[in-house]
Amino acid sequence: VRDGLLDYARTQGVRMRMESRVVDIAPVNGAWEVTVDDGTVLKADAVIIATGASPRHLGIPGEMHYYGGNGVTTCATCDGAFYRNVPVAVVGGGDSACEEALFLTRFASKVYLVHRRDSFRASDIMVQRVKAHEKIELVLNVTPKEILGDAKVHTLRVVEKSGADRDLAVKCVFVAIGHVPNSQAFTPALAVDEGGYFIAGPNTVSTNIPGVFVAGDCSDHVYRQAITAAGMGCRAAIEAERWLAGH
């Protein structure tokens, strides 16, 4: 599907620069100059930013080895159904972690909710739901130490406050400790919120700078799904076309 979309885009006249990273964007004579990491400057009359957000990782041994299909993931909505009738772990203490733990109870036989403190950052109602669910076991005041497995994950090892190790037998570790929007190259020119997400106007994809639009996870910290990002991309393209027509 991905290759088909790329091929279709090329037939519509889209020119692509793969393996390039934007390092700067600046207004010049009513247009934009976008500088990429090899020093090339691209000129554009309008810009759509869809740089996404990167999930935060635990930074422990085994995490990246098993990441992406082998028992470590950052998206319960995407991967939860692959772990039916087996125990899993969710790491985190915010609303997202609680939501993912509750969502996973539809599939997993048991859900360990692992948090480094004895209290949650999540809302009271979310914490109450988590504590009341028979499939969820809270594992508090622990620090994830290592993810172990063979071909796939079989254990999450944590360290208790006493210093002792504890092994949780799980088939998947869902890391839910937040995301970092990929907005750094565009600030401070473009307005971002306290989390670094681009600020768009109410019910729009327009930024604080005319002619610059945003789409996807770089400005959406609520849904973070491919389908919502695609919808925002469509809106951004239409808004950019209208803006160009008027200027």
Protein backbone atom coordinates (compact mmCIF):
# COMPACT_ATOMS: atom_id res chain seq x y z
CA VAL A 1 0.00 0.00 0.00
CA ARG A 2 2.79 2.39 0.93
CA ASP A 3 4.62 1.92 -2.38
CA GLY A 4 1.35 2.31 -4.24
CA LEU A 5 0.68 5.64 -2.52
CA LEU A 6 4.19 6.86 -3.33
CA ASP A 7 3.81 5.85 -6.96
CA TYR A 8 0.46 7.60 -7.18
CA ALA A 9 1.90 10.77 -5.63
CA ARG A 10 4.70 10.77 -8.21
CA THR A 11 2.17 10.52 -11.06
CA GLN A 12 0.57 13.70 -9.71
CA GLY A 13 3.84 15.61 -10.00
CA VAL A 14 5.08 15.28 -6.43
CA ARG A 15 8.86 15.53 -6.19
CA MET A 16 10.33 13.62 -3.24
CA ARG A 17 13.50 14.02 -1.23
CA MET A 18 14.05 10.86 0.75
CA GLU A 19 16.51 10.61 3.65
CA SER A 20 16.42 14.38 4.18
CA ARG A 21 15.72 16.18 7.45
CA VAL A 22 14.50 19.77 7.71
CA VAL A 23 16.75 21.91 9.88
CA ASP A 24 15.32 25.39 9.27
CA ILE A 25 12.40 27.23 7.70
CA ALA A 26 12.41 30.96 6.98
CA PRO A 27 10.14 33.47 5.19
CA VAL A 28 11.78 35.15 2.16
CA ASN A 29 9.99 37.68 -0.07
CA GLY A 30 6.53 36.33 0.67
CA ALA A 31 7.54 32.70 0.19
CA TRP A 32 9.43 30.11 2.22
CA GLU A 33 12.91 28.71 2.18
CA VAL A 34 13.18 25.25 3.71
CA THR A 35 16.73 24.10 4.50
CA VAL A 36 17.50 20.39 4.78
CA ASP A 37 20.42 18.72 6.50
CA ASP A 38 22.69 18.55 3.43
CA GLY A 39 22.46 22.32 3.02
CA THR A 40 20.00 22.31 0.13
CA VAL A 41 17.47 25.13 0.23
CA LEU A 42 13.99 24.37 -1.12
CA LYS A 43 11.64 27.24 -2.04
CA ALA A 44 7.89 27.01 -1.54
CA ASP A 45 4.87 29.28 -1.57
CA ALA A 46 3.12 27.23 1.12
CA VAL A 47 4.30 24.61 3.60
CA ILE A 48 2.54 21.64 5.21
CA ILE A 49 4.33 20.21 8.24
CA ALA A 50 3.54 16.57 9.01
CA THR A 51 6.61 15.50 10.95
CA GLY A 52 4.81 13.31 13.49
CA ALA A 53 5.81 12.57 17.06
CA SER A 54 8.35 10.13 18.43
CA PRO A 55 7.40 7.86 21.35
CA ARG A 56 9.50 8.10 24.47
CA HIS A 57 11.40 4.92 25.29
CA LEU A 58 12.50 3.37 28.55
CA GLY A 59 16.13 3.11 27.51
CA ILE A 60 16.66 -0.30 29.08
CA PRO A 61 18.41 -3.41 27.70
CA GLY A 62 16.25 -5.47 25.36
CA GLU A 63 13.77 -2.71 24.59
CA MET A 64 14.88 -1.82 21.09
CA HIS A 65 15.90 -5.42 20.30
CA TYR A 66 12.28 -6.55 20.65
CA TYR A 67 10.67 -3.31 19.47
CA GLY A 68 8.33 -3.52 16.50
CA GLY A 69 6.60 -6.88 16.40
CA ASN A 70 8.60 -9.01 18.80
CA GLY A 71 7.02 -8.01 22.09
CA VAL A 72 7.70 -4.30 22.68
CA THR A 73 5.38 -1.63 21.30
CA THR A 74 4.12 1.87 22.02
CA CYS A 75 0.57 1.46 20.70
CA ALA A 76 -2.04 -0.76 22.34
CA THR A 77 -4.66 0.25 19.77
CA CYS A 78 -2.35 -0.92 16.98
CA ASP A 79 -1.01 -4.12 18.49
CA GLY A 80 -3.28 -5.18 21.35
CA ALA A 81 -5.23 -7.72 19.32
CA PHE A 82 -2.03 -9.68 18.63
CA TYR A 83 -1.80 -10.61 22.33
CA ARG A 84 -4.99 -12.50 23.04
CA ASN A 85 -5.19 -14.67 26.14
CA VAL A 86 -1.63 -13.95 27.27
CA PRO A 87 -0.23 -11.69 30.03
CA VAL A 88 1.12 -8.28 29.07
CA ALA A 89 2.58 -5.23 30.83
CA VAL A 90 1.91 -1.52 30.40
CA VAL A 91 4.57 0.90 31.65
CA GLY A 92 3.44 4.41 32.62
CA GLY A 93 1.39 6.39 35.09
CA GLY A 94 -0.65 8.89 33.09
CA ASP A 95 -4.06 8.81 31.47
CA SER A 96 -2.64 7.20 28.33
CA ALA A 97 -1.13 4.33 30.32
CA CYS A 98 -4.40 3.73 32.17
CA GLU A 99 -6.41 3.89 28.94
CA GLU A 100 -4.06 1.40 27.28
CA ALA A 101 -4.24 -0.97 30.26
CA LEU A 102 -8.04 -0.88 30.19
CA PHE A 103 -8.11 -1.34 26.41
CA LEU A 104 -5.81 -4.37 26.64
CA THR A 105 -8.15 -6.15 29.04
CA ARG A 106 -10.29 -6.90 25.97
CA PHE A 107 -7.56 -9.22 24.71
CA ALA A 108 -4.94 -10.11 27.32
CA SER A 109 -5.45 -12.67 30.07
CA LYS A 110 -3.75 -10.33 32.56
CA VAL A 111 -2.41 -6.77 32.44
CA TYR A 112 0.37 -5.57 34.73
CA LEU A 113 0.36 -1.77 35.05
CA VAL A 114 3.92 -0.85 35.98
CA HIS A 115 4.69 2.57 37.48
CA ARG A 116 7.72 3.98 39.27
CA ARG A 117 5.65 5.76 41.91
CA ASP A 118 2.86 4.74 44.28
CA SER A 119 0.46 7.34 42.86
CA PHE A 120 -0.65 8.14 39.32
CA ARG A 121 -0.62 11.29 37.21
CA ALA A 122 -3.81 10.05 35.59
CA SER A 123 -7.23 11.46 36.47
CA ASP A 124 -9.02 10.03 39.48
CA ILE A 125 -11.73 8.39 37.37
CA MET A 126 -9.14 6.59 35.24
CA VAL A 127 -7.28 5.37 38.32
CA GLN A 128 -10.51 4.11 39.87
CA ARG A 129 -11.38 2.16 36.73
CA VAL A 130 -7.92 0.60 36.62
CA LYS A 131 -7.99 -0.39 40.29
CA ALA A 132 -11.47 -1.89 39.94
CA HIS A 133 -10.68 -4.08 36.93
CA GLU A 134 -10.13 -7.72 37.80
CA LYS A 135 -7.65 -8.30 34.97
CA ILE A 136 -5.31 -5.45 35.98
CA GLU A 137 -2.60 -5.83 38.62
CA LEU A 138 -0.80 -2.69 39.78
CA VAL A 139 2.98 -2.99 40.10
CA LEU A 140 4.02 0.22 41.82
CA ASN A 141 7.24 1.74 43.17
CA VAL A 142 9.34 -0.19 40.68
CA THR A 143 11.74 0.75 37.90
CA PRO A 144 11.89 -1.24 34.65
CA LYS A 145 15.37 -2.78 34.41
CA GLU A 146 15.44 -5.13 31.42
CA ILE A 147 13.27 -6.86 28.85
CA LEU A 148 14.13 -10.50 28.31
CA GLY A 149 13.15 -13.03 25.69
CA ASP A 150 14.19 -15.55 23.09
CA ALA A 151 12.79 -14.91 19.63
CA LYS A 152 10.11 -12.84 21.37
CA VAL A 153 9.64 -11.26 24.79
CA HIS A 154 8.87 -13.48 27.78
CA THR A 155 9.86 -11.33 30.80
CA LEU A 156 9.89 -7.75 32.03
CA ARG A 157 12.39 -7.41 34.88
CA VAL A 158 11.80 -4.55 37.33
CA VAL A 159 13.64 -3.33 40.40
CA GLU A 160 11.69 -2.78 43.62
CA LYS A 161 12.47 0.00 46.11
CA SER A 162 14.30 -2.53 48.25
CA GLY A 163 16.72 -3.13 45.37
CA ALA A 164 15.42 -6.61 44.67
CA ASP A 165 14.62 -7.74 41.15
CA ARG A 166 11.15 -8.94 40.25
CA ASP A 167 10.33 -10.76 37.03
CA LEU A 168 6.95 -10.35 35.35
CA ALA A 169 6.13 -13.12 32.90
CA VAL A 170 4.62 -11.26 29.94
CA LYS A 171 4.42 -11.67 26.18
CA CYS A 172 4.47 -7.96 25.39
CA VAL A 173 5.54 -4.70 27.02
CA PHE A 174 3.48 -1.66 26.03
CA VAL A 175 5.48 1.51 26.72
CA ALA A 176 3.11 4.40 27.50
CA ILE A 177 5.30 7.17 28.85
CA GLY A 178 4.42 9.84 26.30
CA HIS A 179 5.55 11.21 22.95
CA VAL A 180 7.84 13.99 21.77
CA PRO A 181 6.51 15.97 18.79
CA ASN A 182 9.04 16.49 16.00
CA SER A 183 8.65 20.26 15.99
CA GLN A 184 12.10 21.45 17.04
CA ALA A 185 13.25 22.58 13.59
CA PHE A 186 10.29 24.97 13.29
CA THR A 187 10.39 26.76 16.64
CA PRO A 188 10.28 29.49 17.79
CA ALA A 189 8.87 30.72 14.45
CA LEU A 190 5.77 28.53 14.82
CA ALA A 191 3.73 28.53 18.00
CA VAL A 192 3.76 25.33 20.07
CA ASP A 193 2.07 24.38 23.33
CA GLU A 194 3.81 23.42 26.54
CA GLY A 195 4.29 19.88 25.22
CA GLY A 196 5.91 21.08 21.99
CA TYR A 197 2.90 20.33 19.76
CA PHE A 198 2.08 22.83 17.02
CA ILE A 199 -0.85 25.07 17.86
CA ALA A 200 -3.47 25.27 15.12
CA GLY A 201 -6.52 27.49 15.14
CA PRO A 202 -9.88 26.17 16.37
CA ASN A 203 -11.07 23.34 14.13
CA THR A 204 -8.40 24.09 11.54
CA VAL A 205 -4.91 23.08 10.43
CA SER A 206 -3.63 26.65 10.04
CA THR A 207 -0.74 27.86 12.19
CA ASN A 208 0.05 31.31 13.52
CA ILE A 209 1.93 32.02 10.25
CA PRO A 210 -0.13 32.42 7.06
CA GLY A 211 0.76 29.83 4.43
CA VAL A 212 2.05 27.24 6.91
CA PHE A 213 -0.19 24.31 7.83
CA VAL A 214 0.17 21.29 10.08
CA ALA A 215 -1.18 17.74 10.03
CA GLY A 216 -0.88 14.58 12.07
CA ASP A 217 0.80 13.73 15.33
CA CYS A 218 3.02 16.82 15.39
CA SER A 219 -0.10 18.79 16.31
CA ASP A 220 -2.43 16.07 17.63
CA HIS A 221 -1.61 14.65 21.06
CA VAL A 222 -5.08 13.19 21.63
CA TYR A 223 -5.83 10.61 18.92
CA ARG A 224 -2.45 9.80 17.30
CA GLN A 225 -3.91 7.40 14.74
CA ALA A 226 -3.07 6.97 11.06
CA ILE A 227 -6.66 7.62 10.01
CA THR A 228 -6.90 10.92 11.93
CA ALA A 229 -3.51 12.02 10.60
CA ALA A 230 -4.63 11.22 7.05
CA GLY A 231 -7.77 13.28 7.57
CA MET A 232 -5.74 16.22 8.83
CA GLY A 233 -3.42 15.81 5.83
CA CYS A 234 -6.40 16.11 3.50
CA ARG A 235 -7.61 19.23 5.28
CA ALA A 236 -4.11 20.76 5.20
CA ALA A 237 -3.79 20.11 1.45
CA ILE A 238 -7.16 21.72 0.74
CA GLU A 239 -6.39 24.70 2.98
CA ALA A 240 -2.99 25.16 1.31
CA GLU A 241 -4.60 25.05 -2.13
CA ARG A 242 -7.18 27.66 -1.11
CA TRP A 243 -4.53 29.86 0.43
CA LEU A 244 -2.40 29.71 -2.71
CA ALA A 245 -5.42 30.51 -4.88
CA GLY A 246 -6.06 33.62 -2.83
CA HIS A 247 -2.48 34.82 -2.91
